[in-house]
Amino acid sequence: MAGNYTLLTIGSVLSGAAVFVFIRTIRNTLYSEDLEQGKEWRYDVNRINELRNHSLIYRVLYPVMLGFAAFNRRMFRDSLPSISREVQAAGHSRFWTAEEYLARQQIISLMIAPAYFYFCISVFEAPGAVMAFGLTGLTTFYLRRRLAAQAHHRLFQIKKKLPFLLDLLTLLMEAGATFIHALRDAVDEFRDQAVGVEFGRVLAEISMGKSRTTALESLRDRLSDDEITSIIGSIIQGEHLGTPLATVFRTQADVLRIKRTQRAETLANEAGVKMLLPGILVMASTVIVILGPFIIGFLFQEYMS
């Protein structure tokens, strides 16, 4: 009896220790502790710390992400600039580099891959492995296209609200406010929208010592859209030539509205052409549904006779 109690006690202690170690390991993995900063790598360390706080995948799988990022830097060198612009335009953390964000998408695909392999091999046996590989690649491609779609949608939202922000800047500056005060009030008014976030970054950069031209150029490079580039270029040109900014803002707001009207008219003109094929299919289906029974009855009667 004493021996059994001793074994039970030892087993309980070992089980408790195992549970304690397991919980502590999970806690240490999920807990984001800032790295020590060195003078040479202060910016890089701050960036890493921000990403560790922002992304669970980055925090838990940091060594794996470094490996994938190095691979992407060599294999997808030509695609990295466009990915970087899409990451910024989509509103993701500015601390992401293109190769790291691409590595994040690849890691997500690999995390889903075991489910693909289990399902495909269970259903299709050996050929299912090839299908699972294909589904993993398609998942990475989907995540890549999803990033592009997010960037496109956010740019659309920015261009949709930008005329109203420019109108507000015009009214405030014509009422006697300075550019900084007018921009601060406009950003506060649109703080819950993408255009307010982007111009909030412009305001923050100006507050940190950048010139208005440099801050606006950063906005232009960050969004990398033709219409926004044209508008920012006109504002910068007006700044250099001494044109009152209120006049420039009003003109650019009108230009944006004209472009939006033209874009709507173009889509309306294309709608008729795009609806032609579905209309033909609907008409053909209707004819088959109406005349089909008569044709079948006629053929069946001729066959029976």
C-alpha atoms as a PDB file:
ATOM      1  CA  MET A   1       0.000   0.000   0.000  1.00  0.00           C
ATOM      2  CA  ALA A   2       2.795   2.413   0.921  1.00  0.00           C
ATOM      3  CA  GLY A   3       4.489   1.713  -2.404  1.00  0.00           C
ATOM      4  CA  ASN A   4       1.278   2.457  -4.319  1.00  0.00           C
ATOM      5  CA  TYR A   5       0.839   5.778  -2.493  1.00  0.00           C
ATOM      6  CA  THR A   6       4.435   6.657  -3.280  1.00  0.00           C
ATOM      7  CA  LEU A   7       3.945   5.908  -6.982  1.00  0.00           C
ATOM      8  CA  LEU A   8       0.717   7.921  -7.041  1.00  0.00           C
ATOM      9  CA  THR A   9       2.454  10.842  -5.349  1.00  0.00           C
ATOM     10  CA  ILE A  10       5.383  10.759  -7.783  1.00  0.00           C
ATOM     11  CA  GLY A  11       2.971  10.469 -10.741  1.00  0.00           C
ATOM     12  CA  SER A  12       0.928  13.433  -9.493  1.00  0.00           C
ATOM     13  CA  VAL A  13       4.042  15.563  -9.006  1.00  0.00           C
ATOM     14  CA  LEU A  14       5.347  14.700 -12.465  1.00  0.00           C
ATOM     15  CA  SER A  15       1.962  15.388 -14.045  1.00  0.00           C
ATOM     16  CA  GLY A  16       1.709  18.739 -12.274  1.00  0.00           C
ATOM     17  CA  ALA A  17       5.244  19.647 -13.344  1.00  0.00           C
ATOM     18  CA  ALA A  18       4.482  18.682 -16.932  1.00  0.00           C
ATOM     19  CA  VAL A  19       1.334  20.831 -16.962  1.00  0.00           C
ATOM     20  CA  PHE A  20       3.265  23.742 -15.417  1.00  0.00           C
ATOM     21  CA  VAL A  21       6.054  23.490 -18.009  1.00  0.00           C
ATOM     22  CA  PHE A  22       3.537  23.219 -20.854  1.00  0.00           C
ATOM     23  CA  ILE A  23       1.562  26.293 -19.711  1.00  0.00           C
ATOM     24  CA  ARG A  24       4.738  28.296 -19.147  1.00  0.00           C
ATOM     25  CA  THR A  25       6.030  27.354 -22.604  1.00  0.00           C
ATOM     26  CA  ILE A  26       2.794  28.481 -24.215  1.00  0.00           C
ATOM     27  CA  ARG A  27       2.869  31.731 -22.227  1.00  0.00           C
ATOM     28  CA  ASN A  28       6.461  32.487 -23.168  1.00  0.00           C
ATOM     29  CA  THR A  29       5.668  31.770 -26.805  1.00  0.00           C
ATOM     30  CA  LEU A  30       2.642  34.047 -26.949  1.00  0.00           C
ATOM     31  CA  TYR A  31       4.061  36.800 -24.750  1.00  0.00           C
ATOM     32  CA  SER A  32       5.646  39.619 -26.738  1.00  0.00           C
ATOM     33  CA  GLU A  33       8.750  40.850 -24.986  1.00  0.00           C
ATOM     34  CA  ASP A  34      10.613  43.734 -26.600  1.00  0.00           C
ATOM     35  CA  LEU A  35      14.129  42.973 -27.719  1.00  0.00           C
ATOM     36  CA  GLU A  36      17.049  44.955 -26.398  1.00  0.00           C
ATOM     37  CA  GLN A  37      17.974  47.886 -28.576  1.00  0.00           C
ATOM     38  CA  GLY A  38      21.410  48.616 -29.889  1.00  0.00           C
ATOM     39  CA  LYS A  39      22.611  51.900 -31.304  1.00  0.00           C
ATOM     40  CA  GLU A  40      23.262  50.480 -34.773  1.00  0.00           C
ATOM     41  CA  TRP A  41      19.947  48.653 -35.180  1.00  0.00           C
ATOM     42  CA  ARG A  42      17.561  50.869 -33.229  1.00  0.00           C
ATOM     43  CA  TYR A  43      15.095  51.312 -36.098  1.00  0.00           C
ATOM     44  CA  ASP A  44      15.159  47.648 -37.082  1.00  0.00           C
ATOM     45  CA  VAL A  45      14.602  46.542 -33.504  1.00  0.00           C
ATOM     46  CA  ASN A  46      11.704  48.960 -33.082  1.00  0.00           C
ATOM     47  CA  ARG A  47      10.190  47.628 -36.280  1.00  0.00           C
ATOM     48  CA  ILE A  48      10.579  44.033 -35.105  1.00  0.00           C
ATOM     49  CA  ASN A  49       9.060  44.869 -31.732  1.00  0.00           C
ATOM     50  CA  GLU A  50       6.060  46.490 -33.388  1.00  0.00           C
ATOM     51  CA  LEU A  51       5.513  43.479 -35.631  1.00  0.00           C
ATOM     52  CA  ARG A  52       5.862  41.109 -32.674  1.00  0.00           C
ATOM     53  CA  ASN A  53       3.083  43.028 -30.936  1.00  0.00           C
ATOM     54  CA  HIS A  54       0.994  43.220 -34.087  1.00  0.00           C
ATOM     55  CA  SER A  55       1.253  39.701 -35.560  1.00  0.00           C
ATOM     56  CA  LEU A  56       0.972  36.398 -33.700  1.00  0.00           C
ATOM     57  CA  ILE A  57       2.551  34.517 -36.621  1.00  0.00           C
ATOM     58  CA  TYR A  58       5.520  36.888 -36.654  1.00  0.00           C
ATOM     59  CA  ARG A  59       5.966  36.485 -32.905  1.00  0.00           C
ATOM     60  CA  VAL A  60       5.685  32.693 -32.731  1.00  0.00           C
ATOM     61  CA  LEU A  61       7.377  31.743 -36.015  1.00  0.00           C
ATOM     62  CA  TYR A  62       9.963  34.514 -36.254  1.00  0.00           C
ATOM     63  CA  PRO A  63      12.926  32.251 -37.236  1.00  0.00           C
ATOM     64  CA  VAL A  64      10.815  30.510 -39.895  1.00  0.00           C
ATOM     65  CA  MET A  65       9.670  33.865 -41.248  1.00  0.00           C
ATOM     66  CA  LEU A  66      13.277  35.053 -41.518  1.00  0.00           C
ATOM     67  CA  GLY A  67      14.088  31.999 -43.628  1.00  0.00           C
ATOM     68  CA  PHE A  68      11.123  32.537 -45.937  1.00  0.00           C
ATOM     69  CA  ALA A  69      11.906  36.256 -46.177  1.00  0.00           C
ATOM     70  CA  ALA A  70      15.475  35.501 -47.294  1.00  0.00           C
ATOM     71  CA  PHE A  71      14.124  33.047 -49.876  1.00  0.00           C
ATOM     72  CA  ASN A  72      11.600  35.602 -51.169  1.00  0.00           C
ATOM     73  CA  ARG A  73      14.275  38.279 -51.372  1.00  0.00           C
ATOM     74  CA  ARG A  74      16.176  36.147 -53.866  1.00  0.00           C
ATOM     75  CA  MET A  75      13.332  34.482 -55.779  1.00  0.00           C
ATOM     76  CA  PHE A  76      10.761  37.296 -56.067  1.00  0.00           C
ATOM     77  CA  ARG A  77      13.015  40.315 -56.335  1.00  0.00           C
ATOM     78  CA  ASP A  78      11.051  41.855 -59.209  1.00  0.00           C
ATOM     79  CA  SER A  79       7.681  41.479 -57.460  1.00  0.00           C
ATOM     80  CA  LEU A  80       8.691  42.909 -54.089  1.00  0.00           C
ATOM     81  CA  PRO A  81       8.211  46.623 -54.998  1.00  0.00           C
ATOM     82  CA  SER A  82       4.619  46.043 -56.125  1.00  0.00           C
ATOM     83  CA  ILE A  83       3.903  43.946 -53.021  1.00  0.00           C
ATOM     84  CA  SER A  84       5.318  46.704 -50.823  1.00  0.00           C
ATOM     85  CA  ARG A  85       3.040  49.293 -52.471  1.00  0.00           C
ATOM     86  CA  GLU A  86       0.021  47.014 -52.044  1.00  0.00           C
ATOM     87  CA  VAL A  87       0.821  46.415 -48.354  1.00  0.00           C
ATOM     88  CA  GLN A  88       0.946  50.177 -47.777  1.00  0.00           C
ATOM     89  CA  ALA A  89      -2.122  50.916 -49.913  1.00  0.00           C
ATOM     90  CA  ALA A  90      -4.121  48.165 -48.173  1.00  0.00           C
ATOM     91  CA  GLY A  91      -3.543  49.882 -44.831  1.00  0.00           C
ATOM     92  CA  HIS A  92      -1.452  47.166 -43.188  1.00  0.00           C
ATOM     93  CA  SER A  93       1.249  48.006 -40.693  1.00  0.00           C
ATOM     94  CA  ARG A  94       3.944  50.163 -42.279  1.00  0.00           C
ATOM     95  CA  PHE A  95       6.566  48.059 -40.483  1.00  0.00           C
ATOM     96  CA  TRP A  96       5.999  45.099 -42.814  1.00  0.00           C
ATOM     97  CA  THR A  97       8.571  44.579 -45.517  1.00  0.00           C
ATOM     98  CA  ALA A  98       7.395  43.032 -48.767  1.00  0.00           C
ATOM     99  CA  GLU A  99       9.381  39.808 -48.324  1.00  0.00           C
ATOM    100  CA  GLU A 100       8.134  39.362 -44.739  1.00  0.00           C
ATOM    101  CA  TYR A 101       4.499  39.890 -45.671  1.00  0.00           C
ATOM    102  CA  LEU A 102       4.876  37.424 -48.528  1.00  0.00           C
ATOM    103  CA  ALA A 103       6.482  35.000 -46.057  1.00  0.00           C
ATOM    104  CA  ARG A 104       3.451  35.442 -43.788  1.00  0.00           C
ATOM    105  CA  GLN A 105       1.158  34.383 -46.627  1.00  0.00           C
ATOM    106  CA  GLN A 106       3.333  31.371 -47.411  1.00  0.00           C
ATOM    107  CA  ILE A 107       3.363  30.271 -43.766  1.00  0.00           C
ATOM    108  CA  ILE A 108      -0.446  30.526 -43.592  1.00  0.00           C
ATOM    109  CA  SER A 109      -0.660  28.315 -46.684  1.00  0.00           C
ATOM    110  CA  LEU A 110       1.664  25.745 -45.120  1.00  0.00           C
ATOM    111  CA  MET A 111      -0.377  25.756 -41.922  1.00  0.00           C
ATOM    112  CA  ILE A 112      -3.490  24.887 -43.945  1.00  0.00           C
ATOM    113  CA  ALA A 113      -1.636  22.301 -46.063  1.00  0.00           C
ATOM    114  CA  PRO A 114      -2.009  19.344 -43.592  1.00  0.00           C
ATOM    115  CA  ALA A 115      -5.803  19.656 -43.834  1.00  0.00           C
ATOM    116  CA  TYR A 116      -5.537  19.581 -47.634  1.00  0.00           C
ATOM    117  CA  PHE A 117      -3.325  16.490 -47.546  1.00  0.00           C
ATOM    118  CA  TYR A 118      -5.572  14.669 -45.074  1.00  0.00           C
ATOM    119  CA  PHE A 119      -8.731  15.327 -47.059  1.00  0.00           C
ATOM    120  CA  CYS A 120      -7.291  14.734 -50.534  1.00  0.00           C
ATOM    121  CA  ILE A 121      -5.407  11.540 -49.634  1.00  0.00           C
ATOM    122  CA  SER A 122      -8.457  10.190 -47.769  1.00  0.00           C
ATOM    123  CA  VAL A 123     -10.662  10.738 -50.797  1.00  0.00           C
ATOM    124  CA  PHE A 124      -8.338  10.262 -53.785  1.00  0.00           C
ATOM    125  CA  GLU A 125      -5.554   8.190 -52.134  1.00  0.00           C
ATOM    126  CA  ALA A 126      -2.126   8.606 -53.819  1.00  0.00           C
ATOM    127  CA  PRO A 127      -3.165  11.140 -56.528  1.00  0.00           C
ATOM    128  CA  GLY A 128      -4.567  13.300 -53.747  1.00  0.00           C
ATOM    129  CA  ALA A 129      -1.045  14.330 -52.712  1.00  0.00           C
ATOM    130  CA  VAL A 130      -0.575  16.137 -56.029  1.00  0.00           C
ATOM    131  CA  MET A 131      -3.959  17.806 -55.592  1.00  0.00           C
ATOM    132  CA  ALA A 132      -3.000  18.886 -52.055  1.00  0.00           C
ATOM    133  CA  PHE A 133       0.203  20.475 -53.368  1.00  0.00           C
ATOM    134  CA  GLY A 134      -1.866  22.304 -55.959  1.00  0.00           C
ATOM    135  CA  LEU A 135      -4.369  23.534 -53.361  1.00  0.00           C
ATOM    136  CA  THR A 136      -1.516  24.819 -51.189  1.00  0.00           C
ATOM    137  CA  GLY A 137      -0.142  26.788 -54.120  1.00  0.00           C
ATOM    138  CA  LEU A 138      -3.601  28.099 -54.952  1.00  0.00           C
ATOM    139  CA  THR A 139      -4.010  29.262 -51.350  1.00  0.00           C
ATOM    140  CA  THR A 140      -0.805  31.291 -51.598  1.00  0.00           C
ATOM    141  CA  PHE A 141      -1.993  32.731 -54.916  1.00  0.00           C
ATOM    142  CA  TYR A 142      -5.386  33.561 -53.393  1.00  0.00           C
ATOM    143  CA  LEU A 143      -3.776  35.383 -50.455  1.00  0.00           C
ATOM    144  CA  ARG A 144      -1.617  37.324 -52.901  1.00  0.00           C
ATOM    145  CA  ARG A 145      -4.634  38.344 -54.976  1.00  0.00           C
ATOM    146  CA  ARG A 146      -6.556  39.156 -51.822  1.00  0.00           C
ATOM    147  CA  LEU A 147      -3.852  41.664 -50.856  1.00  0.00           C
ATOM    148  CA  ALA A 148      -4.159  43.314 -54.278  1.00  0.00           C
ATOM    149  CA  ALA A 149      -7.956  43.411 -53.909  1.00  0.00           C
ATOM    150  CA  GLN A 150      -7.662  44.995 -50.450  1.00  0.00           C
ATOM    151  CA  ALA A 151      -5.325  47.655 -51.819  1.00  0.00           C
ATOM    152  CA  HIS A 152      -7.668  48.373 -54.743  1.00  0.00           C
ATOM    153  CA  HIS A 153     -10.733  48.610 -52.480  1.00  0.00           C
ATOM    154  CA  ARG A 154      -9.001  50.919 -50.006  1.00  0.00           C
ATOM    155  CA  LEU A 155      -7.756  53.183 -52.796  1.00  0.00           C
ATOM    156  CA  PHE A 156     -11.326  53.338 -54.101  1.00  0.00           C
ATOM    157  CA  GLN A 157     -12.564  54.361 -50.652  1.00  0.00           C
ATOM    158  CA  ILE A 158      -9.845  57.018 -50.389  1.00  0.00           C
ATOM    159  CA  LYS A 159     -10.679  58.511 -53.794  1.00  0.00           C
ATOM    160  CA  LYS A 160     -14.371  58.417 -52.929  1.00  0.00           C
ATOM    161  CA  LYS A 161     -13.919  60.511 -49.769  1.00  0.00           C
ATOM    162  CA  LEU A 162     -10.982  62.662 -50.891  1.00  0.00           C
ATOM    163  CA  PRO A 163     -13.135  65.391 -52.563  1.00  0.00           C
ATOM    164  CA  PHE A 164     -15.033  65.923 -49.296  1.00  0.00           C
ATOM    165  CA  LEU A 165     -11.790  66.199 -47.324  1.00  0.00           C
ATOM    166  CA  LEU A 166     -10.434  68.719 -49.840  1.00  0.00           C
ATOM    167  CA  ASP A 167     -13.686  70.697 -49.618  1.00  0.00           C
ATOM    168  CA  LEU A 168     -13.384  70.807 -45.838  1.00  0.00           C
ATOM    169  CA  LEU A 169      -9.759  71.961 -46.103  1.00  0.00           C
ATOM    170  CA  THR A 170     -10.867  74.682 -48.523  1.00  0.00           C
ATOM    171  CA  LEU A 171     -13.613  75.949 -46.221  1.00  0.00           C
ATOM    172  CA  LEU A 172     -11.362  75.954 -43.172  1.00  0.00           C
ATOM    173  CA  MET A 173      -8.517  77.765 -44.930  1.00  0.00           C
ATOM    174  CA  GLU A 174     -10.849  80.322 -46.493  1.00  0.00           C
ATOM    175  CA  ALA A 175     -12.206  80.922 -42.985  1.00  0.00           C
ATOM    176  CA  GLY A 176      -8.695  81.878 -41.855  1.00  0.00           C
ATOM    177  CA  ALA A 177      -7.221  78.605 -40.553  1.00  0.00           C
ATOM    178  CA  THR A 178      -3.642  77.682 -41.350  1.00  0.00           C
ATOM    179  CA  PHE A 179      -2.884  74.549 -43.337  1.00  0.00           C
ATOM    180  CA  ILE A 180      -1.793  72.602 -40.240  1.00  0.00           C
ATOM    181  CA  HIS A 181      -4.891  73.535 -38.237  1.00  0.00           C
ATOM    182  CA  ALA A 182      -7.179  72.869 -41.183  1.00  0.00           C
ATOM    183  CA  LEU A 183      -5.533  69.499 -41.813  1.00  0.00           C
ATOM    184  CA  ARG A 184      -5.815  68.584 -38.129  1.00  0.00           C
ATOM    185  CA  ASP A 185      -9.551  69.362 -38.094  1.00  0.00           C
ATOM    186  CA  ALA A 186     -10.098  67.476 -41.360  1.00  0.00           C
ATOM    187  CA  VAL A 187      -8.215  64.428 -40.090  1.00  0.00           C
ATOM    188  CA  ASP A 188     -10.283  64.482 -36.901  1.00  0.00           C
ATOM    189  CA  GLU A 189     -13.485  64.654 -38.959  1.00  0.00           C
ATOM    190  CA  PHE A 190     -12.467  61.674 -41.158  1.00  0.00           C
ATOM    191  CA  ARG A 191     -10.562  59.759 -38.460  1.00  0.00           C
ATOM    192  CA  ASP A 192     -12.613  56.559 -38.937  1.00  0.00           C
ATOM    193  CA  GLN A 193     -12.003  56.419 -42.680  1.00  0.00           C
ATOM    194  CA  ALA A 194      -9.005  55.466 -44.805  1.00  0.00           C
ATOM    195  CA  VAL A 195      -8.508  58.970 -46.191  1.00  0.00           C
ATOM    196  CA  GLY A 196      -8.324  60.348 -42.661  1.00  0.00           C
ATOM    197  CA  VAL A 197      -5.750  57.726 -41.683  1.00  0.00           C
ATOM    198  CA  GLU A 198      -3.503  58.565 -44.638  1.00  0.00           C
ATOM    199  CA  PHE A 199      -3.660  62.323 -44.129  1.00  0.00           C
ATOM    200  CA  GLY A 200      -3.175  61.700 -40.421  1.00  0.00           C
ATOM    201  CA  ARG A 201       0.184  60.164 -41.327  1.00  0.00           C
ATOM    202  CA  VAL A 202       0.938  63.276 -43.376  1.00  0.00           C
ATOM    203  CA  LEU A 203       0.115  65.438 -40.361  1.00  0.00           C
ATOM    204  CA  ALA A 204       2.259  63.246 -38.085  1.00  0.00           C
ATOM    205  CA  GLU A 205       5.232  63.471 -40.455  1.00  0.00           C
ATOM    206  CA  ILE A 206       4.896  67.260 -40.631  1.00  0.00           C
ATOM    207  CA  SER A 207       4.750  67.379 -36.830  1.00  0.00           C
ATOM    208  CA  MET A 208       7.987  65.360 -36.680  1.00  0.00           C
ATOM    209  CA  GLY A 209       9.809  67.941 -38.787  1.00  0.00           C
ATOM    210  CA  LYS A 210       9.222  66.992 -42.403  1.00  0.00           C
ATOM    211  CA  SER A 211       8.265  69.691 -44.849  1.00  0.00           C
ATOM    212  CA  ARG A 212       4.787  69.702 -46.349  1.00  0.00           C
ATOM    213  CA  THR A 213       6.222  68.788 -49.739  1.00  0.00           C
ATOM    214  CA  THR A 214       8.141  65.794 -48.366  1.00  0.00           C
ATOM    215  CA  ALA A 215       5.132  64.554 -46.379  1.00  0.00           C
ATOM    216  CA  LEU A 216       2.864  64.815 -49.423  1.00  0.00           C
ATOM    217  CA  GLU A 217       5.461  63.042 -51.576  1.00  0.00           C
ATOM    218  CA  SER A 218       5.507  60.218 -49.019  1.00  0.00           C
ATOM    219  CA  LEU A 219       1.718  59.972 -49.320  1.00  0.00           C
ATOM    220  CA  ARG A 220       2.021  59.856 -53.108  1.00  0.00           C
ATOM    221  CA  ASP A 221       4.647  57.111 -53.024  1.00  0.00           C
ATOM    222  CA  ARG A 222       2.748  55.164 -50.372  1.00  0.00           C
ATOM    223  CA  LEU A 223      -0.523  54.981 -52.296  1.00  0.00           C
ATOM    224  CA  SER A 224       0.998  54.893 -55.794  1.00  0.00           C
ATOM    225  CA  ASP A 225      -2.234  55.652 -57.673  1.00  0.00           C
ATOM    226  CA  ASP A 226      -2.390  57.685 -60.875  1.00  0.00           C
ATOM    227  CA  GLU A 227      -5.246  59.969 -59.811  1.00  0.00           C
ATOM    228  CA  ILE A 228      -3.845  60.583 -56.342  1.00  0.00           C
ATOM    229  CA  THR A 229      -0.373  61.139 -57.828  1.00  0.00           C
ATOM    230  CA  SER A 230      -1.824  63.787 -60.142  1.00  0.00           C
ATOM    231  CA  ILE A 231      -3.613  65.519 -57.267  1.00  0.00           C
ATOM    232  CA  ILE A 232      -0.590  65.489 -54.964  1.00  0.00           C
ATOM    233  CA  GLY A 233       1.592  66.747 -57.820  1.00  0.00           C
ATOM    234  CA  SER A 234      -0.764  69.682 -58.400  1.00  0.00           C
ATOM    235  CA  ILE A 235      -0.749  70.514 -54.674  1.00  0.00           C
ATOM    236  CA  ILE A 236       3.060  70.382 -54.546  1.00  0.00           C
ATOM    237  CA  GLN A 237       3.297  72.531 -57.680  1.00  0.00           C
ATOM    238  CA  GLY A 238       0.909  75.083 -56.163  1.00  0.00           C
ATOM    239  CA  GLU A 239       3.029  75.061 -53.014  1.00  0.00           C
ATOM    240  CA  HIS A 240       6.179  75.839 -55.009  1.00  0.00           C
ATOM    241  CA  LEU A 241       4.520  78.533 -57.159  1.00  0.00           C
ATOM    242  CA  GLY A 242       2.880  80.248 -54.208  1.00  0.00           C
ATOM    243  CA  THR A 243      -0.694  79.536 -55.316  1.00  0.00           C
ATOM    244  CA  PRO A 244      -3.165  79.712 -52.396  1.00  0.00           C
ATOM    245  CA  LEU A 245      -3.725  76.146 -51.206  1.00  0.00           C
ATOM    246  CA  ALA A 246      -7.460  76.739 -50.759  1.00  0.00           C
ATOM    247  CA  THR A 247      -7.742  77.414 -54.505  1.00  0.00           C
ATOM    248  CA  VAL A 248      -5.693  74.317 -55.321  1.00  0.00           C
ATOM    249  CA  PHE A 249      -7.817  72.145 -53.024  1.00  0.00           C
ATOM    250  CA  ARG A 250     -11.061  73.398 -54.559  1.00  0.00           C
ATOM    251  CA  THR A 251      -9.787  72.801 -58.097  1.00  0.00           C
ATOM    252  CA  GLN A 252      -8.586  69.277 -57.315  1.00  0.00           C
ATOM    253  CA  ALA A 253     -11.858  68.396 -55.588  1.00  0.00           C
ATOM    254  CA  ASP A 254     -13.725  69.434 -58.736  1.00  0.00           C
ATOM    255  CA  VAL A 255     -11.326  67.404 -60.880  1.00  0.00           C
ATOM    256  CA  LEU A 256     -11.921  64.318 -58.734  1.00  0.00           C
ATOM    257  CA  ARG A 257     -15.683  64.692 -59.051  1.00  0.00           C
ATOM    258  CA  ILE A 258     -15.429  65.051 -62.827  1.00  0.00           C
ATOM    259  CA  LYS A 259     -13.273  61.931 -63.057  1.00  0.00           C
ATOM    260  CA  ARG A 260     -15.696  59.997 -60.880  1.00  0.00           C
ATOM    261  CA  THR A 261     -18.598  61.055 -63.114  1.00  0.00           C
ATOM    262  CA  GLN A 262     -16.670  60.014 -66.219  1.00  0.00           C
ATOM    263  CA  ARG A 263     -15.826  56.667 -64.630  1.00  0.00           C
ATOM    264  CA  ALA A 264     -19.501  56.085 -63.791  1.00  0.00           C
ATOM    265  CA  GLU A 265     -20.524  56.934 -67.363  1.00  0.00           C
ATOM    266  CA  THR A 266     -17.919  54.517 -68.726  1.00  0.00           C
ATOM    267  CA  LEU A 267     -19.189  51.716 -66.511  1.00  0.00           C
ATOM    268  CA  ALA A 268     -22.773  52.467 -67.534  1.00  0.00           C
ATOM    269  CA  ASN A 269     -21.829  52.266 -71.218  1.00  0.00           C
ATOM    270  CA  GLU A 270     -20.042  48.962 -70.647  1.00  0.00           C
ATOM    271  CA  ALA A 271     -22.999  47.479 -68.773  1.00  0.00           C
ATOM    272  CA  GLY A 272     -25.028  46.968 -71.970  1.00  0.00           C
ATOM    273  CA  VAL A 273     -22.240  45.046 -73.658  1.00  0.00           C
ATOM    274  CA  LYS A 274     -21.593  42.928 -70.580  1.00  0.00           C
ATOM    275  CA  MET A 275     -25.295  42.055 -70.267  1.00  0.00           C
ATOM    276  CA  LEU A 276     -25.536  40.934 -73.904  1.00  0.00           C
ATOM    277  CA  LEU A 277     -24.283  37.370 -73.370  1.00  0.00           C
ATOM    278  CA  PRO A 278     -26.407  36.683 -70.236  1.00  0.00           C
ATOM    279  CA  GLY A 279     -29.424  38.104 -72.095  1.00  0.00           C
ATOM    280  CA  ILE A 280     -28.852  35.760 -75.038  1.00  0.00           C
ATOM    281  CA  LEU A 281     -28.504  32.786 -72.685  1.00  0.00           C
ATOM    282  CA  VAL A 282     -31.731  33.714 -70.886  1.00  0.00           C
ATOM    283  CA  MET A 283     -33.587  34.065 -74.179  1.00  0.00           C
ATOM    284  CA  ALA A 284     -32.238  30.728 -75.440  1.00  0.00           C
ATOM    285  CA  SER A 285     -33.238  29.021 -72.180  1.00  0.00           C
ATOM    286  CA  THR A 286     -36.729  30.522 -72.398  1.00  0.00           C
ATOM    287  CA  VAL A 287     -37.162  29.298 -75.973  1.00  0.00           C
ATOM    288  CA  ILE A 288     -36.008  25.797 -75.007  1.00  0.00           C
ATOM    289  CA  VAL A 289     -38.366  25.683 -72.008  1.00  0.00           C
ATOM    290  CA  ILE A 290     -41.353  26.829 -74.105  1.00  0.00           C
ATOM    291  CA  LEU A 291     -40.742  24.883 -77.315  1.00  0.00           C
ATOM    292  CA  GLY A 292     -38.977  21.860 -75.802  1.00  0.00           C
ATOM    293  CA  PRO A 293     -42.113  19.915 -74.771  1.00  0.00           C
ATOM    294  CA  PHE A 294     -43.716  20.437 -78.206  1.00  0.00           C
ATOM    295  CA  ILE A 295     -40.588  19.282 -80.043  1.00  0.00           C
ATOM    296  CA  ILE A 296     -40.204  16.227 -77.791  1.00  0.00           C
ATOM    297  CA  GLY A 297     -43.910  15.392 -78.201  1.00  0.00           C
ATOM    298  CA  PHE A 298     -43.701  15.711 -81.969  1.00  0.00           C
ATOM    299  CA  LEU A 299     -40.596  13.515 -82.203  1.00  0.00           C
ATOM    300  CA  PHE A 300     -42.072  10.916 -79.832  1.00  0.00           C
ATOM    301  CA  GLN A 301     -45.345  10.778 -81.811  1.00  0.00           C
ATOM    302  CA  GLU A 302     -43.459  10.379 -85.096  1.00  0.00           C
ATOM    303  CA  TYR A 303     -41.321   7.616 -83.572  1.00  0.00           C
ATOM    304  CA  MET A 304     -44.362   5.736 -82.231  1.00  0.00           C
ATOM    305  CA  SER A 305     -46.153   5.959 -85.579  1.00  0.00           C
END
